[in-house]
Amino acid sequence: MLAVARSALEKDYRVHLMAFGDDGKVQSMDISLLDPGADDERLSGWGGLTGYTSKIAETVRKAVNEAGA
């Protein structure tokens, strides 16, 4: 397993978003940075990055508030 993990970490990976453009054709966009602060919603919201982290933050906030009550 260790050899497989090392090999995986040495490789270069890319993430591509494929979506229909205004012309009805499929377009590909390299979104490997997966930047949740990007202006482009296709990049910032891919895979629910911002939504998921928001839910975690809300859960932590509630737990802290309940613990302090």
N, C-alpha and C. Protein backbone atom coordinates (compact mmCIF):
# COMPACT_ATOMS: atom_id res chain seq x y z
N MET A 1 0.82 -1.20 0.00
CA MET A 1 0.00 0.00 0.00
C MET A 1 0.86 1.26 0.00
N LEU A 2 1.96 1.22 0.73
CA LEU A 2 2.83 2.38 0.81
C LEU A 2 3.38 2.75 -0.56
N ALA A 3 3.76 1.76 -1.35
CA ALA A 3 4.28 2.02 -2.70
C ALA A 3 3.21 2.65 -3.59
N VAL A 4 1.98 2.20 -3.45
CA VAL A 4 0.87 2.76 -4.24
C VAL A 4 0.63 4.21 -3.83
N ALA A 5 0.63 4.49 -2.54
CA ALA A 5 0.42 5.85 -2.05
C ALA A 5 1.54 6.77 -2.53
N ARG A 6 2.77 6.33 -2.44
CA ARG A 6 3.90 7.15 -2.91
C ARG A 6 3.78 7.45 -4.40
N SER A 7 3.45 6.42 -5.16
CA SER A 7 3.30 6.59 -6.60
C SER A 7 2.19 7.60 -6.92
N ALA A 8 1.08 7.51 -6.22
CA ALA A 8 -0.04 8.42 -6.45
C ALA A 8 0.34 9.86 -6.14
N LEU A 9 1.13 10.06 -5.09
CA LEU A 9 1.52 11.42 -4.70
C LEU A 9 2.53 12.03 -5.66
N GLU A 10 3.24 11.22 -6.41
CA GLU A 10 4.23 11.72 -7.35
C GLU A 10 3.62 12.15 -8.68
N LYS A 11 2.39 11.76 -8.93
CA LYS A 11 1.75 12.05 -10.22
C LYS A 11 1.15 13.44 -10.24
N ASP A 12 0.92 13.94 -11.45
CA ASP A 12 0.29 15.24 -11.66
C ASP A 12 -1.14 14.99 -12.10
N TYR A 13 -2.11 15.54 -11.37
CA TYR A 13 -3.51 15.32 -11.68
C TYR A 13 -4.17 16.62 -12.12
N ARG A 14 -5.19 16.50 -12.94
CA ARG A 14 -5.96 17.64 -13.41
C ARG A 14 -7.45 17.33 -13.24
N VAL A 15 -8.22 18.37 -12.96
CA VAL A 15 -9.67 18.25 -12.85
C VAL A 15 -10.27 19.12 -13.94
N HIS A 16 -11.17 18.54 -14.72
CA HIS A 16 -11.81 19.28 -15.80
C HIS A 16 -13.32 19.27 -15.59
N LEU A 17 -13.91 20.43 -15.74
CA LEU A 17 -15.35 20.58 -15.69
C LEU A 17 -15.86 20.52 -17.12
N MET A 18 -16.82 19.68 -17.36
CA MET A 18 -17.43 19.61 -18.69
C MET A 18 -18.89 20.02 -18.55
N ALA A 19 -19.28 21.02 -19.33
CA ALA A 19 -20.65 21.54 -19.25
C ALA A 19 -21.07 22.05 -20.62
N PHE A 20 -22.38 22.13 -20.81
CA PHE A 20 -22.90 22.66 -22.06
C PHE A 20 -22.74 24.18 -22.08
N GLY A 21 -22.23 24.71 -23.18
CA GLY A 21 -22.09 26.14 -23.36
C GLY A 21 -23.38 26.72 -23.92
N ASP A 22 -23.40 28.02 -24.13
CA ASP A 22 -24.58 28.69 -24.68
C ASP A 22 -24.94 28.19 -26.07
N ASP A 23 -23.94 27.67 -26.78
CA ASP A 23 -24.17 27.16 -28.13
C ASP A 23 -24.65 25.71 -28.14
N GLY A 24 -24.83 25.11 -26.96
CA GLY A 24 -25.31 23.74 -26.86
C GLY A 24 -24.22 22.70 -26.99
N LYS A 25 -22.98 23.13 -27.18
CA LYS A 25 -21.87 22.20 -27.30
C LYS A 25 -21.20 22.03 -25.94
N VAL A 26 -20.62 20.85 -25.74
CA VAL A 26 -19.91 20.58 -24.48
C VAL A 26 -18.59 21.32 -24.50
N GLN A 27 -18.32 22.03 -23.42
CA GLN A 27 -17.06 22.75 -23.27
C GLN A 27 -16.33 22.20 -22.06
N SER A 28 -15.01 22.18 -22.13
CA SER A 28 -14.18 21.69 -21.04
C SER A 28 -13.39 22.85 -20.46
N MET A 29 -13.28 22.87 -19.14
CA MET A 29 -12.54 23.93 -18.46
C MET A 29 -11.66 23.28 -17.38
N ASP A 30 -10.37 23.60 -17.39
CA ASP A 30 -9.46 23.07 -16.37
C ASP A 30 -9.72 23.82 -15.06
N ILE A 31 -10.20 23.08 -14.07
CA ILE A 31 -10.51 23.69 -12.77
C ILE A 31 -9.65 23.05 -11.68
N SER A 32 -8.45 22.66 -12.04
CA SER A 32 -7.57 21.94 -11.12
C SER A 32 -7.27 22.71 -9.85
N LEU A 33 -7.33 24.02 -9.90
CA LEU A 33 -7.04 24.81 -8.70
C LEU A 33 -8.13 24.67 -7.65
N LEU A 34 -9.36 24.36 -8.08
CA LEU A 34 -10.50 24.22 -7.17
C LEU A 34 -10.53 25.33 -6.14
N ASP A 35 -10.49 26.55 -6.63
CA ASP A 35 -10.39 27.75 -5.79
C ASP A 35 -11.77 28.19 -5.32
N PRO A 36 -12.12 28.00 -4.03
CA PRO A 36 -13.43 28.41 -3.54
C PRO A 36 -13.62 29.92 -3.51
N GLY A 37 -12.54 30.70 -3.70
CA GLY A 37 -12.64 32.15 -3.73
C GLY A 37 -12.71 32.71 -5.14
N ALA A 38 -12.77 31.85 -6.13
CA ALA A 38 -12.79 32.30 -7.53
C ALA A 38 -14.09 33.04 -7.84
N ASP A 39 -14.01 34.01 -8.73
CA ASP A 39 -15.19 34.75 -9.16
C ASP A 39 -16.13 33.89 -9.99
N ASP A 40 -15.59 32.93 -10.71
CA ASP A 40 -16.37 32.06 -11.58
C ASP A 40 -17.03 30.97 -10.73
N GLU A 41 -18.36 30.96 -10.65
CA GLU A 41 -19.11 30.01 -9.83
C GLU A 41 -18.83 28.57 -10.24
N ARG A 42 -18.53 28.35 -11.53
CA ARG A 42 -18.23 26.98 -11.97
C ARG A 42 -16.98 26.45 -11.27
N LEU A 43 -16.05 27.32 -10.96
CA LEU A 43 -14.82 26.93 -10.28
C LEU A 43 -15.00 26.93 -8.76
N SER A 44 -15.57 27.98 -8.22
CA SER A 44 -15.69 28.11 -6.77
C SER A 44 -16.71 27.15 -6.16
N GLY A 45 -17.73 26.80 -6.91
CA GLY A 45 -18.78 25.95 -6.37
C GLY A 45 -18.69 24.50 -6.76
N TRP A 46 -17.65 24.13 -7.51
CA TRP A 46 -17.54 22.76 -8.00
C TRP A 46 -17.50 21.77 -6.86
N GLY A 47 -18.31 20.74 -6.95
CA GLY A 47 -18.31 19.69 -5.96
C GLY A 47 -18.85 20.13 -4.61
N GLY A 48 -19.47 21.29 -4.55
CA GLY A 48 -20.03 21.76 -3.29
C GLY A 48 -18.99 22.24 -2.30
N LEU A 49 -17.83 22.66 -2.80
CA LEU A 49 -16.74 23.08 -1.91
C LEU A 49 -17.18 24.13 -0.90
N THR A 50 -17.76 25.21 -1.38
CA THR A 50 -18.14 26.28 -0.46
C THR A 50 -19.35 25.91 0.38
N GLY A 51 -20.29 25.20 -0.21
CA GLY A 51 -21.48 24.78 0.54
C GLY A 51 -21.13 23.81 1.66
N TYR A 52 -20.23 22.89 1.37
CA TYR A 52 -19.82 21.90 2.37
C TYR A 52 -19.08 22.57 3.52
N THR A 53 -18.14 23.46 3.21
CA THR A 53 -17.40 24.12 4.28
C THR A 53 -18.30 25.04 5.09
N SER A 54 -19.30 25.63 4.45
CA SER A 54 -20.25 26.46 5.18
C SER A 54 -21.05 25.62 6.17
N LYS A 55 -21.44 24.42 5.77
CA LYS A 55 -22.19 23.54 6.68
C LYS A 55 -21.33 23.13 7.86
N ILE A 56 -20.06 22.84 7.60
CA ILE A 56 -19.16 22.48 8.70
C ILE A 56 -19.02 23.64 9.68
N ALA A 57 -18.81 24.84 9.14
CA ALA A 57 -18.67 26.02 10.00
C ALA A 57 -19.92 26.24 10.83
N GLU A 58 -21.08 26.06 10.24
CA GLU A 58 -22.35 26.24 10.96
C GLU A 58 -22.49 25.19 12.07
N THR A 59 -22.11 23.96 11.78
CA THR A 59 -22.18 22.89 12.78
C THR A 59 -21.25 23.18 13.95
N VAL A 60 -20.05 23.62 13.66
CA VAL A 60 -19.09 23.96 14.72
C VAL A 60 -19.61 25.13 15.55
N ARG A 61 -20.16 26.15 14.89
CA ARG A 61 -20.71 27.30 15.60
C ARG A 61 -21.82 26.87 16.57
N LYS A 62 -22.73 26.01 16.09
CA LYS A 62 -23.82 25.55 16.94
C LYS A 62 -23.29 24.76 18.14
N ALA A 63 -22.31 23.89 17.89
CA ALA A 63 -21.74 23.08 18.97
C ALA A 63 -21.08 23.96 20.02
N VAL A 64 -20.36 24.99 19.58
CA VAL A 64 -19.69 25.89 20.51
C VAL A 64 -20.74 26.67 21.31
N ASN A 65 -21.76 27.14 20.65
CA ASN A 65 -22.81 27.90 21.34
C ASN A 65 -23.55 27.04 22.36
N GLU A 66 -23.83 25.80 21.99
CA GLU A 66 -24.54 24.89 22.92
C GLU A 66 -23.66 24.52 24.10
N ALA A 67 -22.37 24.36 23.85
CA ALA A 67 -21.43 24.01 24.93
C ALA A 67 -21.30 25.15 25.93
N GLY A 68 -21.43 26.39 25.44
CA GLY A 68 -21.30 27.55 26.30
C GLY A 68 -22.56 27.90 27.06
N ALA A 69 -23.68 27.28 26.68
CA ALA A 69 -24.97 27.60 27.30
C ALA A 69 -25.22 26.92 28.60
